N, C-alpha and C. Protein backbone atom coordinates (compact mmCIF):
# COMPACT_ATOMS: atom_id res chain seq x y z
N UNK A 1 -13.77 -58.87 1.25
CA UNK A 1 -13.95 -58.56 2.38
C UNK A 1 -13.40 -57.11 2.58
N UNK A 2 -14.28 -56.21 3.16
CA UNK A 2 -13.98 -55.00 3.56
C UNK A 2 -12.97 -54.46 4.53
N UNK A 3 -12.51 -53.52 4.34
CA UNK A 3 -11.28 -53.04 5.02
C UNK A 3 -11.63 -52.40 6.61
N UNK A 4 -11.08 -52.79 7.70
CA UNK A 4 -11.51 -52.10 8.84
C UNK A 4 -10.97 -51.06 9.27
N UNK A 5 -12.05 -50.56 9.61
CA UNK A 5 -12.23 -48.84 9.98
C UNK A 5 -10.89 -48.64 11.15
N UNK A 6 -10.12 -47.73 10.83
CA UNK A 6 -9.33 -47.10 12.29
C UNK A 6 -10.02 -47.10 13.62
N UNK A 7 -8.85 -46.77 14.60
CA UNK A 7 -9.50 -47.01 15.75
C UNK A 7 -10.12 -45.61 16.34
N UNK A 8 -10.29 -44.39 15.29
CA UNK A 8 -10.89 -43.19 15.51
C UNK A 8 -12.13 -43.55 15.17
N UNK A 9 -12.37 -44.64 14.24
CA UNK A 9 -13.95 -45.09 13.50
C UNK A 9 -13.83 -44.27 12.21
N UNK A 10 -12.88 -43.53 11.64
CA UNK A 10 -12.82 -42.85 10.20
C UNK A 10 -12.07 -43.66 9.39
N UNK A 11 -12.23 -44.01 7.97
CA UNK A 11 -12.01 -44.70 7.25
C UNK A 11 -10.47 -44.11 6.72
N UNK A 12 -9.33 -44.66 6.73
CA UNK A 12 -7.96 -44.43 6.69
C UNK A 12 -7.95 -44.23 5.30
N UNK A 13 -7.58 -43.18 4.21
CA UNK A 13 -7.63 -42.83 2.90
C UNK A 13 -6.20 -43.65 2.50
N UNK A 14 -5.76 -44.11 1.85
CA UNK A 14 -4.77 -44.90 0.98
C UNK A 14 -3.86 -43.83 0.09
N UNK A 15 -4.38 -42.58 -0.09
CA UNK A 15 -4.09 -41.58 -1.19
C UNK A 15 -3.45 -40.48 -0.07
N UNK A 16 -2.09 -40.07 -0.60
CA UNK A 16 -2.13 -38.61 0.09
C UNK A 16 -2.69 -37.83 -0.72
N UNK A 17 -2.79 -36.79 0.41
CA UNK A 17 -3.60 -35.09 -0.30
C UNK A 17 -2.62 -34.64 -1.62
N UNK A 18 -3.14 -34.49 -2.80
CA UNK A 18 -2.61 -33.63 -3.87
C UNK A 18 -2.36 -32.39 -3.76
N UNK A 19 -1.10 -32.03 -3.80
CA UNK A 19 -0.93 -30.41 -3.79
C UNK A 19 -1.16 -29.92 -5.46
N UNK A 20 -2.12 -28.69 -5.09
CA UNK A 20 -2.66 -28.07 -6.62
C UNK A 20 -1.82 -27.77 -7.54
N UNK A 21 -1.00 -27.44 -7.05
CA UNK A 21 0.54 -26.79 -7.94
C UNK A 21 1.45 -27.90 -8.20
N UNK A 22 1.48 -29.04 -7.58
CA UNK A 22 2.30 -30.02 -7.80
C UNK A 22 2.84 -30.45 -9.61
N UNK A 23 1.68 -30.56 -10.08
CA UNK A 23 2.22 -30.66 -11.82
C UNK A 23 2.94 -29.42 -12.53
N UNK A 24 2.26 -28.46 -12.24
CA UNK A 24 2.91 -27.11 -12.68
C UNK A 24 4.36 -26.98 -11.97
N UNK A 25 4.39 -27.34 -10.55
CA UNK A 25 5.79 -27.23 -10.26
C UNK A 25 6.86 -28.14 -11.05
N UNK A 26 6.21 -29.48 -11.24
CA UNK A 26 7.21 -30.22 -11.97
C UNK A 26 7.49 -29.64 -12.93
N UNK A 27 6.43 -29.10 -14.15
CA UNK A 27 6.72 -28.83 -15.26
C UNK A 27 7.80 -27.60 -15.29
N UNK A 28 7.84 -26.56 -14.25
CA UNK A 28 8.22 -25.36 -14.18
C UNK A 28 9.46 -26.06 -14.02
N UNK A 29 10.27 -26.80 -13.22
CA UNK A 29 11.03 -27.37 -12.81
C UNK A 29 12.09 -28.01 -14.00
N UNK A 30 11.57 -28.37 -15.03
CA UNK A 30 12.12 -28.64 -16.23
C UNK A 30 12.22 -27.64 -17.53
N UNK A 31 12.10 -26.28 -17.05
CA UNK A 31 12.53 -24.90 -17.63
C UNK A 31 13.75 -24.27 -17.49
N UNK A 32 14.20 -23.41 -18.38
CA UNK A 32 15.27 -22.92 -18.00
C UNK A 32 14.91 -21.53 -17.54
N UNK A 33 15.85 -21.28 -17.13
CA UNK A 33 15.89 -19.90 -15.54
C UNK A 33 15.29 -18.73 -16.64
N UNK A 34 15.90 -18.98 -17.96
CA UNK A 34 15.27 -17.24 -18.44
C UNK A 34 14.37 -17.46 -18.89
N UNK A 35 13.75 -18.46 -19.27
CA UNK A 35 12.12 -18.77 -19.64
C UNK A 35 11.36 -18.62 -18.75
N UNK A 36 11.86 -18.86 -17.34
CA UNK A 36 10.92 -18.30 -15.99
C UNK A 36 11.00 -16.82 -16.04
N UNK A 37 12.02 -16.41 -15.93
CA UNK A 37 12.01 -14.88 -16.03
C UNK A 37 11.29 -14.19 -16.87
N UNK A 38 11.25 -14.74 -18.17
CA UNK A 38 10.55 -13.90 -18.76
C UNK A 38 8.98 -13.91 -18.59
N UNK A 39 8.37 -15.21 -18.54
CA UNK A 39 7.15 -15.58 -18.08
C UNK A 39 6.77 -14.63 -16.70
N UNK A 40 7.36 -14.73 -15.90
CA UNK A 40 6.91 -14.09 -14.87
C UNK A 40 7.03 -12.33 -15.03
N UNK A 41 7.84 -11.69 -15.78
CA UNK A 41 7.78 -10.37 -16.03
C UNK A 41 6.48 -10.08 -17.00
N UNK A 42 6.44 -11.34 -18.00
CA UNK A 42 4.88 -11.09 -18.87
C UNK A 42 3.65 -10.94 -17.62
N UNK A 43 3.72 -12.14 -16.78
CA UNK A 43 2.56 -12.10 -16.24
C UNK A 43 2.31 -10.78 -14.88
N UNK A 44 3.43 -10.15 -14.72
CA UNK A 44 3.57 -8.94 -13.68
C UNK A 44 3.18 -7.72 -14.88
N UNK A 45 3.70 -7.27 -15.78
CA UNK A 45 2.81 -6.41 -16.64
C UNK A 45 1.48 -6.55 -16.77
N UNK A 46 0.91 -7.64 -17.02
CA UNK A 46 -0.25 -7.74 -17.14
C UNK A 46 -0.94 -7.84 -15.60
N UNK A 47 -0.77 -7.57 -14.39
CA UNK A 47 -1.45 -7.56 -13.22
C UNK A 47 -0.44 -6.93 -12.36
N UNK A 48 -1.06 -5.50 -12.42
CA UNK A 48 -0.07 -4.63 -11.28
C UNK A 48 -0.06 -5.30 -9.76
N UNK A 49 -1.25 -6.03 -9.12
CA UNK A 49 -1.17 -6.69 -8.11
C UNK A 49 0.18 -7.60 -7.95
N UNK A 50 0.45 -8.42 -9.05
CA UNK A 50 1.34 -9.28 -9.35
C UNK A 50 2.78 -8.64 -9.04
N UNK A 51 2.62 -7.57 -9.66
CA UNK A 51 4.05 -6.89 -9.75
C UNK A 51 4.30 -5.86 -8.46
N UNK A 52 3.74 -5.70 -8.02
CA UNK A 52 3.60 -5.06 -6.27
C UNK A 52 4.02 -6.49 -5.82
N UNK A 53 3.60 -7.52 -5.53
CA UNK A 53 3.90 -8.63 -4.77
C UNK A 53 5.44 -9.06 -5.23
N UNK A 54 5.70 -9.26 -6.35
CA UNK A 54 6.94 -9.47 -6.74
C UNK A 54 8.11 -8.72 -6.46
N UNK A 55 7.79 -7.71 -6.77
CA UNK A 55 8.71 -6.35 -6.18
C UNK A 55 8.84 -6.29 -4.68
N UNK A 56 7.71 -6.46 -3.89
CA UNK A 56 8.01 -6.61 -2.69
C UNK A 56 8.81 -7.75 -1.97
N UNK A 57 8.41 -8.81 -2.34
CA UNK A 57 9.58 -10.22 -2.17
C UNK A 57 10.67 -10.13 -2.49
N UNK A 58 11.10 -9.27 -3.89
CA UNK A 58 12.19 -9.64 -4.28
C UNK A 58 13.30 -8.19 -3.79
N UNK A 59 12.53 -7.38 -3.23
CA UNK A 59 13.10 -6.07 -2.96
C UNK A 59 13.56 -5.22 -3.85
N UNK A 60 12.51 -5.16 -4.72
CA UNK A 60 13.03 -4.53 -6.12
C UNK A 60 12.96 -3.06 -6.03
N UNK A 61 14.03 -2.21 -6.47
CA UNK A 61 14.17 -0.75 -6.08
C UNK A 61 13.56 0.14 -7.52
N UNK A 62 12.41 0.56 -7.27
CA UNK A 62 11.68 1.15 -8.54
C UNK A 62 13.08 2.55 -8.73
N UNK A 63 13.25 2.72 -10.06
CA UNK A 63 14.37 3.57 -10.45
C UNK A 63 13.88 5.05 -10.29
N UNK A 64 14.75 6.28 -9.56
CA UNK A 64 14.27 7.59 -8.93
C UNK A 64 13.40 7.95 -10.22
N UNK A 65 13.43 8.17 -11.45
CA UNK A 65 13.02 8.82 -12.38
C UNK A 65 11.60 8.24 -12.64
N UNK A 66 11.12 6.97 -12.24
CA UNK A 66 10.05 6.32 -12.04
C UNK A 66 9.26 6.33 -10.87
N UNK A 67 10.06 6.61 -9.62
CA UNK A 67 9.49 6.66 -8.71
C UNK A 67 7.77 7.56 -8.26
N UNK A 68 8.03 8.75 -8.81
CA UNK A 68 6.81 9.56 -9.28
C UNK A 68 5.81 8.90 -9.35
N UNK A 69 5.42 8.25 -10.80
CA UNK A 69 4.75 7.69 -11.31
C UNK A 69 4.27 6.38 -10.85
N UNK A 70 4.97 6.23 -10.20
CA UNK A 70 4.70 4.40 -9.75
C UNK A 70 4.08 4.69 -8.31
N UNK A 71 4.27 5.77 -7.57
CA UNK A 71 3.44 5.87 -6.42
C UNK A 71 2.15 6.72 -6.68
N UNK A 72 2.13 7.40 -7.90
CA UNK A 72 0.62 7.73 -8.14
C UNK A 72 -0.08 6.83 -8.53
N UNK A 73 0.32 5.86 -9.15
CA UNK A 73 -0.48 4.69 -9.23
C UNK A 73 -0.58 3.90 -8.55
N UNK A 74 0.35 3.53 -7.66
CA UNK A 74 -0.02 3.15 -6.52
C UNK A 74 -1.47 3.17 -5.74
N UNK A 75 -1.02 4.97 -5.42
CA UNK A 75 -2.08 5.40 -4.53
C UNK A 75 -3.41 5.53 -5.62
N UNK A 76 -3.66 5.35 -6.82
CA UNK A 76 -4.94 4.93 -7.62
C UNK A 76 -5.06 4.03 -7.61
N UNK A 77 -4.43 2.72 -7.12
CA UNK A 77 -4.77 1.25 -7.08
C UNK A 77 -5.42 1.18 -5.63
N UNK A 78 -4.41 1.81 -4.73
CA UNK A 78 -5.00 1.46 -3.10
C UNK A 78 -6.54 2.33 -2.78
N UNK A 79 -6.96 3.51 -3.65
CA UNK A 79 -7.91 3.70 -2.90
C UNK A 79 -8.94 3.44 -4.30
N UNK A 80 -8.50 2.96 -5.39
CA UNK A 80 -10.05 2.48 -5.90
C UNK A 80 -11.25 1.58 -5.01
N UNK A 81 -11.92 2.05 -5.50
CA UNK A 81 -13.31 0.85 -4.68
C UNK A 81 -14.42 1.19 -6.16
N UNK A 82 -14.94 -0.19 -5.71
CA UNK A 82 -16.23 -0.31 -6.87
C UNK A 82 -17.46 0.83 -6.19
N UNK A 83 -17.97 1.56 -6.99
CA UNK A 83 -18.99 2.61 -6.45
C UNK A 83 -20.44 1.61 -5.90
N UNK A 84 -20.60 0.53 -6.64
CA UNK A 84 -21.75 -0.26 -6.68
C UNK A 84 -21.83 -0.49 -5.12
N UNK A 85 -20.86 -0.72 -4.59
CA UNK A 85 -20.37 -1.38 -3.26
C UNK A 85 -20.36 -0.38 -1.78
N UNK A 86 -20.75 0.87 -2.48
CA UNK A 86 -20.74 1.81 -1.11
C UNK A 86 -21.36 1.60 -0.03
N UNK A 87 -20.89 2.23 1.27
CA UNK A 87 -21.51 1.85 2.42
C UNK A 87 -21.14 0.56 2.84
N UNK A 88 -20.48 -0.41 2.30
CA UNK A 88 -20.39 -1.74 2.67
C UNK A 88 -18.73 -1.97 3.15
N UNK A 89 -18.01 -2.84 3.66
CA UNK A 89 -16.90 -3.08 3.85
C UNK A 89 -16.07 -3.83 2.65
N UNK A 90 -16.08 -2.67 1.53
CA UNK A 90 -15.60 -3.70 0.54
C UNK A 90 -14.34 -3.81 0.08
N UNK A 91 -13.60 -4.64 -0.55
CA UNK A 91 -12.20 -5.14 -0.67
C UNK A 91 -11.50 -3.79 -1.68
N UNK A 92 -10.28 -3.81 -1.10
CA UNK A 92 -9.42 -2.96 -1.38
C UNK A 92 -8.22 -3.55 -1.42
N UNK A 93 -6.72 -2.93 -2.19
CA UNK A 93 -5.40 -3.38 -2.61
C UNK A 93 -4.84 -3.05 -1.27
N UNK A 94 -4.56 -3.90 -0.56
CA UNK A 94 -3.59 -3.79 0.79
C UNK A 94 -2.20 -3.62 0.22
N UNK A 95 -1.47 -4.55 -0.50
CA UNK A 95 -0.37 -4.30 -1.17
C UNK A 95 0.13 -3.00 -1.80
N UNK A 96 -1.27 -2.56 -2.34
CA UNK A 96 -0.62 -1.47 -2.94
C UNK A 96 -0.49 0.06 -1.75
N UNK A 97 -1.16 -0.15 -0.90
CA UNK A 97 -0.84 0.58 0.36
C UNK A 97 0.35 0.57 0.74
N UNK A 98 0.99 -0.74 0.95
CA UNK A 98 2.00 -1.02 1.11
C UNK A 98 3.29 -0.35 -0.01
N UNK A 99 3.08 -0.31 -1.09
CA UNK A 99 3.97 0.42 -1.95
C UNK A 99 4.39 2.05 -1.92
N UNK A 100 2.82 2.20 -1.31
CA UNK A 100 2.56 3.93 -1.56
C UNK A 100 3.70 4.23 0.10
N UNK A 101 3.58 3.23 0.78
CA UNK A 101 4.42 3.78 1.97
C UNK A 101 5.77 3.63 1.67
N UNK A 102 6.26 2.52 1.13
CA UNK A 102 7.69 2.21 1.50
C UNK A 102 8.46 3.51 0.17
N UNK A 103 7.41 3.78 -0.98
CA UNK A 103 7.59 4.71 -1.89
C UNK A 103 7.93 6.35 -1.19
N UNK A 104 6.98 6.58 -0.45
CA UNK A 104 6.99 7.77 0.33
C UNK A 104 8.17 7.91 1.09
N UNK A 105 8.79 6.36 1.46
CA UNK A 105 9.73 6.74 2.47
C UNK A 105 11.01 6.84 1.58
N UNK A 106 11.25 6.14 0.46
CA UNK A 106 12.27 6.44 -0.43
C UNK A 106 12.14 8.01 -1.19
N UNK A 107 11.26 8.40 -1.31
CA UNK A 107 11.26 9.89 -2.13
C UNK A 107 12.01 10.94 -1.04
N UNK A 108 11.56 10.91 0.29
CA UNK A 108 12.13 11.57 1.64
C UNK A 108 13.27 11.37 1.95
N UNK A 109 13.72 9.70 1.60
CA UNK A 109 15.25 9.54 2.08
C UNK A 109 16.09 10.10 1.02
N UNK A 110 15.53 10.39 -0.36
CA UNK A 110 16.45 10.67 -1.44
C UNK A 110 16.30 12.37 -1.80
N UNK A 111 15.69 13.17 -0.75
CA UNK A 111 15.84 14.38 -0.48
C UNK A 111 14.69 15.06 -1.05
N UNK A 112 13.51 14.14 -1.67
CA UNK A 112 12.45 14.58 -2.30
C UNK A 112 10.98 14.95 -1.43
N UNK A 113 11.25 15.47 -0.29
CA UNK A 113 10.31 15.60 0.46
C UNK A 113 9.13 16.50 -0.14
N UNK A 114 8.99 17.95 -0.93
CA UNK A 114 8.36 18.30 -1.15
C UNK A 114 7.29 17.25 -2.13
N UNK A 115 7.89 16.70 -3.04
CA UNK A 115 7.33 15.57 -4.03
C UNK A 115 6.21 14.51 -3.07
N UNK A 116 7.05 14.18 -1.78
CA UNK A 116 6.20 13.31 -0.94
C UNK A 116 5.10 14.23 -0.59
N UNK A 117 5.19 15.56 0.01
CA UNK A 117 4.29 16.07 0.49
C UNK A 117 2.83 16.23 -0.64
N UNK A 118 3.27 16.44 -1.89
CA UNK A 118 2.47 16.76 -2.90
C UNK A 118 1.75 15.49 -2.99
N UNK A 119 2.23 14.02 -3.06
CA UNK A 119 1.45 12.87 -3.27
C UNK A 119 0.57 12.44 -1.78
N UNK A 120 1.34 13.09 -0.80
CA UNK A 120 0.38 12.78 0.31
C UNK A 120 -0.67 13.72 0.26
N UNK A 121 -0.62 14.72 -0.36
CA UNK A 121 -2.29 15.58 -0.55
C UNK A 121 -3.16 14.64 -1.16
N UNK A 122 -2.61 14.19 -2.03
CA UNK A 122 -3.29 13.13 -3.15
C UNK A 122 -3.81 12.09 -2.18
N UNK A 123 -2.90 11.42 -1.52
CA UNK A 123 -3.56 10.31 -1.24
C UNK A 123 -4.70 10.63 0.09
N UNK A 124 -4.40 11.86 0.45
CA UNK A 124 -5.67 12.28 1.65
C UNK A 124 -6.84 12.42 0.83
N UNK A 125 -6.90 13.01 -0.02
CA UNK A 125 -8.00 13.53 -0.98
C UNK A 125 -8.53 12.31 -1.56
N UNK A 126 -7.95 11.06 -2.10
CA UNK A 126 -8.33 10.26 -2.40
C UNK A 126 -8.72 9.44 -1.49
N UNK A 127 -8.18 8.74 -0.51
CA UNK A 127 -8.32 7.86 0.65
C UNK A 127 -9.18 8.42 1.67
N UNK A 128 -9.25 9.70 1.91
CA UNK A 128 -10.43 9.95 2.49
C UNK A 128 -11.94 9.75 2.17
N UNK A 129 -11.86 9.90 0.66
CA UNK A 129 -13.04 9.56 -0.04
C UNK A 129 -13.42 8.40 -0.05
N UNK A 130 -12.40 7.33 0.14
CA UNK A 130 -12.73 6.07 0.06
C UNK A 130 -13.22 5.60 1.42
N UNK A 131 -12.87 6.16 2.53
CA UNK A 131 -13.50 5.92 3.58
C UNK A 131 -14.38 6.27 3.84
N UNK A 132 -14.89 7.30 3.44
CA UNK A 132 -16.15 8.22 3.34
C UNK A 132 -17.31 7.19 2.60
N UNK A 133 -16.56 6.50 1.57
CA UNK A 133 -17.88 5.87 0.98
C UNK A 133 -17.50 4.40 1.51
N UNK A 134 -16.83 3.88 2.46
CA UNK A 134 -16.89 2.45 2.83
C UNK A 134 -17.86 2.55 4.27
N UNK A 135 -18.29 1.48 4.66
CA UNK A 135 -19.25 1.32 5.87
C UNK A 135 -18.20 1.43 6.96
N UNK A 136 -17.05 1.23 7.48
CA UNK A 136 -16.11 1.17 8.64
C UNK A 136 -14.91 1.52 8.55
N UNK A 137 -14.87 2.59 7.08
CA UNK A 137 -13.53 2.84 7.00
C UNK A 137 -12.22 2.06 7.16
N UNK A 138 -12.31 0.65 6.91
CA UNK A 138 -11.21 -0.35 7.44
C UNK A 138 -9.70 -0.08 7.11
N UNK A 139 -9.80 0.90 6.02
CA UNK A 139 -8.21 1.51 5.36
C UNK A 139 -7.58 2.50 6.33
N UNK A 140 -8.50 2.90 7.10
CA UNK A 140 -7.90 4.20 7.87
C UNK A 140 -6.39 4.23 8.15
N UNK A 141 -6.45 3.25 9.01
CA UNK A 141 -4.79 2.81 9.40
C UNK A 141 -3.77 2.59 8.52
N UNK A 142 -3.96 2.09 7.52
CA UNK A 142 -3.08 2.12 6.06
C UNK A 142 -2.77 3.31 5.69
N UNK A 143 -3.99 4.21 5.47
CA UNK A 143 -3.79 5.57 4.94
C UNK A 143 -2.86 6.15 6.08
N UNK A 144 -3.07 6.23 7.28
CA UNK A 144 -2.35 7.04 8.36
C UNK A 144 -1.03 6.61 8.54
N UNK A 145 -0.82 4.97 7.93
CA UNK A 145 0.71 4.81 8.20
C UNK A 145 1.29 5.30 6.89
N UNK A 146 0.80 5.43 5.85
CA UNK A 146 1.19 6.07 4.63
C UNK A 146 1.85 7.52 4.67
N UNK A 147 0.81 8.47 5.43
CA UNK A 147 1.12 9.71 5.86
C UNK A 147 1.94 9.54 6.95
N UNK A 148 2.12 8.87 8.05
CA UNK A 148 3.36 9.00 9.04
C UNK A 148 4.51 9.13 8.38
N UNK A 149 4.85 8.91 7.23
CA UNK A 149 6.30 8.83 6.53
C UNK A 149 6.35 10.15 6.67
N UNK A 150 5.46 10.86 5.90
CA UNK A 150 5.84 12.45 5.50
C UNK A 150 5.52 13.30 7.07
N UNK A 151 4.53 12.94 7.77
CA UNK A 151 4.18 13.68 8.79
C UNK A 151 5.64 13.86 9.75
N UNK A 152 6.00 12.50 9.90
CA UNK A 152 7.86 12.22 10.62
C UNK A 152 8.46 13.06 9.91
N UNK A 153 8.70 12.97 8.78
CA UNK A 153 9.81 13.88 7.89
C UNK A 153 9.62 15.59 8.34
N UNK A 154 8.56 15.88 8.69
CA UNK A 154 8.30 17.04 8.35
C UNK A 154 8.69 17.98 9.85
N UNK A 155 8.55 16.97 11.02
CA UNK A 155 8.91 17.40 12.30
C UNK A 155 10.42 18.16 12.17
N UNK A 156 11.21 17.34 11.40
CA UNK A 156 12.62 18.00 11.58
C UNK A 156 13.27 18.50 10.45
N UNK A 157 12.32 18.83 9.33
CA UNK A 157 13.01 19.17 8.19
C UNK A 157 13.17 20.46 7.83
N UNK A 158 13.99 21.08 6.94
CA UNK A 158 14.54 22.54 6.83
C UNK A 158 13.58 23.49 5.86
N UNK A 159 12.46 22.96 5.75
CA UNK A 159 11.74 23.77 4.75
C UNK A 159 10.85 24.98 5.47
N UNK A 160 10.63 26.30 4.87
CA UNK A 160 10.20 27.15 5.51
C UNK A 160 9.00 26.57 6.03
N UNK A 161 8.70 27.29 7.70
CA UNK A 161 7.64 27.29 8.36
C UNK A 161 6.34 27.50 7.51
N UNK A 162 6.41 28.24 6.79
CA UNK A 162 5.00 28.90 5.96
C UNK A 162 4.40 27.76 5.20
N UNK A 163 5.62 27.00 4.51
CA UNK A 163 5.34 25.96 3.66
C UNK A 163 4.88 24.80 4.44
N UNK A 164 5.49 24.42 5.56
CA UNK A 164 4.91 23.61 6.31
C UNK A 164 3.43 23.84 6.46
N UNK A 165 3.17 24.85 7.42
CA UNK A 165 1.87 25.39 7.99
C UNK A 165 0.82 25.19 6.53
N UNK A 166 1.06 25.64 5.30
CA UNK A 166 0.30 25.72 4.33
C UNK A 166 0.03 24.34 4.37
N UNK A 167 0.95 23.51 4.09
CA UNK A 167 0.49 21.80 3.78
C UNK A 167 -0.36 21.14 4.74
N UNK A 168 -0.01 21.81 6.07
CA UNK A 168 -0.92 20.84 7.41
C UNK A 168 -2.40 21.36 7.09
N UNK A 169 -2.71 22.98 6.86
CA UNK A 169 -3.71 23.35 6.51
C UNK A 169 -4.61 22.59 5.39
N UNK A 170 -3.93 22.65 4.34
CA UNK A 170 -4.74 21.94 3.34
C UNK A 170 -5.12 20.75 3.61
N UNK A 171 -3.81 19.90 4.25
CA UNK A 171 -4.31 18.22 4.55
C UNK A 171 -5.33 18.37 5.27
N UNK A 172 -5.53 19.50 6.52
CA UNK A 172 -6.88 19.22 7.33
C UNK A 172 -7.89 19.18 6.53
N UNK A 173 -7.89 20.28 5.47
CA UNK A 173 -9.06 20.82 4.69
C UNK A 173 -9.55 19.73 3.94
N UNK A 174 -8.59 18.79 3.39
CA UNK A 174 -8.81 17.90 2.11
C UNK A 174 -9.50 16.67 2.63
N UNK A 175 -9.21 16.47 4.18
CA UNK A 175 -9.85 14.93 4.42
C UNK A 175 -11.15 15.48 4.54
N UNK A 176 -11.99 14.43 3.88
CA UNK A 176 -13.63 14.59 4.02
C UNK A 176 -14.15 13.91 5.14
N UNK A 177 -13.39 12.81 5.78
CA UNK A 177 -14.04 12.45 7.02
C UNK A 177 -13.79 13.50 8.46
N UNK A 178 -12.45 14.06 8.16
CA UNK A 178 -12.21 14.90 9.18
C UNK A 178 -11.52 14.17 10.43
N UNK A 179 -10.94 12.85 10.54
CA UNK A 179 -10.19 12.26 11.16
C UNK A 179 -9.22 11.57 11.09
N UNK A 180 -8.69 11.70 9.52
CA UNK A 180 -7.29 10.92 9.36
C UNK A 180 -6.31 11.37 9.67
N UNK A 181 -5.59 10.98 10.34
CA UNK A 181 -3.92 11.53 10.86
C UNK A 181 -3.99 13.11 11.46
N UNK A 182 -5.50 13.20 12.05
CA UNK A 182 -5.65 14.51 12.37
C UNK A 182 -4.64 14.78 13.34
N UNK A 183 -4.61 14.05 14.32
CA UNK A 183 -3.58 14.75 15.72
C UNK A 183 -2.51 14.70 15.14
N UNK A 184 -1.47 13.86 14.77
CA UNK A 184 -0.42 14.29 14.11
C UNK A 184 -0.35 15.66 13.46
N UNK A 185 -1.05 15.83 12.57
CA UNK A 185 -0.72 16.93 11.42
C UNK A 185 -0.81 18.02 12.36
N UNK A 186 -1.96 17.92 13.00
CA UNK A 186 -2.04 18.82 14.25
C UNK A 186 -1.00 19.42 15.39
N UNK A 187 -0.24 18.35 15.20
CA UNK A 187 0.54 18.33 15.83
C UNK A 187 2.20 19.22 15.58
N UNK A 188 2.03 18.74 14.28
CA UNK A 188 3.11 19.21 13.50
C UNK A 188 2.85 20.68 13.04
N UNK A 189 1.58 20.82 12.60
CA UNK A 189 1.20 22.19 12.71
C UNK A 189 1.54 23.33 13.99
N UNK A 190 1.41 22.43 15.17
CA UNK A 190 1.67 23.60 16.02
C UNK A 190 2.67 23.96 16.73
N UNK A 191 3.79 22.68 16.47
CA UNK A 191 5.13 23.01 16.28
C UNK A 191 6.07 23.99 15.42
N UNK A 192 5.15 24.10 14.58
CA UNK A 192 5.85 24.95 13.26
C UNK A 192 4.86 26.22 13.35
N UNK A 193 4.28 26.58 14.21
CA UNK A 193 3.54 28.10 14.85
C UNK A 193 4.56 28.25 16.01
N UNK A 194 4.82 27.65 16.83
CA UNK A 194 5.81 27.75 17.68
C UNK A 194 6.90 28.51 16.90
N UNK A 195 7.57 27.80 16.02
CA UNK A 195 8.80 28.46 15.18
C UNK A 195 8.40 29.57 14.61
N UNK A 196 7.65 29.92 13.87
CA UNK A 196 6.93 30.79 13.25
C UNK A 196 7.06 32.07 13.98
N UNK A 197 6.91 31.72 15.34
CA UNK A 197 6.02 33.01 16.37
C UNK A 197 7.47 33.28 16.80
N UNK A 198 8.89 32.76 16.92
CA UNK A 198 10.14 33.08 17.52
C UNK A 198 10.74 34.59 16.56
C-alpha cells in the first residue's frame, strides 16, 4: 500500500536534511582544545585567505614589527589576478582588501603615516593596474576605501606641505586609469597648496 501524498501534492520526506559538516562537527567535539588550535594554525599557515578570515573573525592584532610586511602581502594578494582573464570581471580577494584597509588604519593610529603613504602608493600602482586589466573595475570602490584611510589622515597631519603635495602628485600620476580616488586626492592637494601659499 503506497503512502498518501500530502495536500500540497508533494511527497513528504521522512528524512531530515543532512548538514554537510555534521559528521565533522561531531568528530571535532571529541577533540581537545589544544589540538583544535594547532590544526587551525596549521591550516591558516597553508592558506592566507583562511588566515585573514580567522584574524578578522577573532580580531587578531598583527604585531607592529610585522604590520608593514603583512600589509605588503595583503596588497599583493588583493591586487593579484589571472592574466588569462583580462578584460573580464575576474575574481579577486575581497578579504585581502579588508586587511589592507585595517592595517593602513593601524599604521596611521600608531604614528606611522609615512609608511602608510608609501603603502598607499604601492596599492595605487598595483590596484589601478588591476582595474585597467578588468572589464568593469569592480574593485575600484575597495581600493578607494583603503586609500581613504591615508587621505583622511593627510587632511590634518603635521607633515610638511611639500611632502604631502609630492605624495598627491605622485598618486595622481601613478593611477593608470585616471579616476581612482582622484577627487579626494585633488581636494587634499588643493588644501595643502593653500597652506603652502600662506
